[in-house]
C-alpha atoms as a PDB file:
ATOM      1  CA  UNK A   1      -0.154   0.109  -0.071  1.00  0.00           C
ATOM      2  CA  UNK A   2       1.508   3.225  -0.779  1.00  0.00           C
ATOM      3  CA  UNK A   3       2.296   5.676   1.717  1.00  0.00           C
ATOM      4  CA  UNK A   4       0.787   8.704   0.474  1.00  0.00           C
ATOM      5  CA  UNK A   5      -1.764   9.369  -2.584  1.00  0.00           C
ATOM      6  CA  UNK A   6       1.082  11.110  -4.523  1.00  0.00           C
ATOM      7  CA  UNK A   7       2.723   7.648  -4.556  1.00  0.00           C
ATOM      8  CA  UNK A   8      -0.601   6.129  -5.915  1.00  0.00           C
ATOM      9  CA  UNK A   9      -0.813   9.007  -8.251  1.00  0.00           C
ATOM     10  CA  UNK A  10       2.611   8.382  -9.802  1.00  0.00           C
ATOM     11  CA  UNK A  11       2.130   4.574  -9.825  1.00  0.00           C
ATOM     12  CA  UNK A  12      -1.265   4.884 -11.857  1.00  0.00           C
ATOM     13  CA  UNK A  13       0.635   7.586 -14.333  1.00  0.00           C
ATOM     14  CA  UNK A  14       3.130   5.084 -14.806  1.00  0.00           C
ATOM     15  CA  UNK A  15       1.051   2.441 -15.934  1.00  0.00           C
ATOM     16  CA  UNK A  16      -1.003   4.889 -18.224  1.00  0.00           C
ATOM     17  CA  UNK A  17       2.067   5.973 -20.042  1.00  0.00           C
ATOM     18  CA  UNK A  18       3.272   2.310 -20.986  1.00  0.00           C
ATOM     19  CA  UNK A  19       2.526   1.438 -24.562  1.00  0.00           C
ATOM     20  CA  UNK A  20      -0.319  -1.073 -24.673  1.00  0.00           C
ATOM     21  CA  UNK A  21      -1.626  -3.157 -27.782  1.00  0.00           C
ATOM     22  CA  UNK A  22      -5.356  -2.497 -27.022  1.00  0.00           C
ATOM     23  CA  UNK A  23      -7.928  -1.325 -29.367  1.00  0.00           C
ATOM     24  CA  UNK A  24      -9.178   2.328 -28.922  1.00  0.00           C
ATOM     25  CA  UNK A  25     -12.651   2.504 -27.681  1.00  0.00           C
ATOM     26  CA  UNK A  26     -15.109   4.336 -29.979  1.00  0.00           C
ATOM     27  CA  UNK A  27     -18.528   5.535 -28.926  1.00  0.00           C
ATOM     28  CA  UNK A  28     -21.343   3.661 -30.421  1.00  0.00           C
ATOM     29  CA  UNK A  29     -23.421   6.533 -30.696  1.00  0.00           C
ATOM     30  CA  UNK A  30     -21.306   9.180 -32.413  1.00  0.00           C
ATOM     31  CA  UNK A  31     -18.073   7.257 -33.269  1.00  0.00           C
ATOM     32  CA  UNK A  32     -15.639   9.749 -31.298  1.00  0.00           C
ATOM     33  CA  UNK A  33     -12.687   7.925 -29.709  1.00  0.00           C
ATOM     34  CA  UNK A  34     -13.012  10.373 -26.560  1.00  0.00           C
ATOM     35  CA  UNK A  35     -14.118   7.835 -23.989  1.00  0.00           C
ATOM     36  CA  UNK A  36     -13.631   7.791 -20.509  1.00  0.00           C
ATOM     37  CA  UNK A  37     -13.868   4.712 -18.247  1.00  0.00           C
ATOM     38  CA  UNK A  38     -16.081   5.164 -15.125  1.00  0.00           C
ATOM     39  CA  UNK A  39     -17.359   3.065 -12.489  1.00  0.00           C
ATOM     40  CA  UNK A  40     -20.861   1.652 -13.392  1.00  0.00           C
ATOM     41  CA  UNK A  41     -23.714   0.470 -11.316  1.00  0.00           C
ATOM     42  CA  UNK A  42     -22.891  -2.317  -8.804  1.00  0.00           C
ATOM     43  CA  UNK A  43     -19.056  -1.811  -9.388  1.00  0.00           C
ATOM     44  CA  UNK A  44     -19.210  -2.755 -12.917  1.00  0.00           C
ATOM     45  CA  UNK A  45     -17.144  -0.974 -15.832  1.00  0.00           C
ATOM     46  CA  UNK A  46     -18.754   1.363 -17.772  1.00  0.00           C
ATOM     47  CA  UNK A  47     -17.611   4.136 -20.510  1.00  0.00           C
ATOM     48  CA  UNK A  48     -18.696   7.497 -21.371  1.00  0.00           C
ATOM     49  CA  UNK A  49     -18.137   9.561 -24.363  1.00  0.00           C
ATOM     50  CA  UNK A  50     -16.519  12.941 -23.287  1.00  0.00           C
ATOM     51  CA  UNK A  51     -17.884  14.222 -26.769  1.00  0.00           C
ATOM     52  CA  UNK A  52     -21.553  13.454 -26.909  1.00  0.00           C
ATOM     53  CA  UNK A  53     -22.119  12.292 -23.218  1.00  0.00           C
ATOM     54  CA  UNK A  54     -23.489   8.762 -24.355  1.00  0.00           C
ATOM     55  CA  UNK A  55     -22.693   6.009 -21.926  1.00  0.00           C
ATOM     56  CA  UNK A  56     -22.230   2.392 -22.300  1.00  0.00           C
ATOM     57  CA  UNK A  57     -20.908  -1.052 -20.886  1.00  0.00           C
END
């Protein structure tokens, strides 16, 4: 467990900056690649388009 929130943020930012071979998400409503991962109902993972506001899981 990190000693501070700063250590946790540094750890998370390091994970984000590493290259991945994943596919980019696209909004099923508008096709935008600007999607954010959000916590869904009952702890599930959902996504929200930051361009049009559409959400999906």
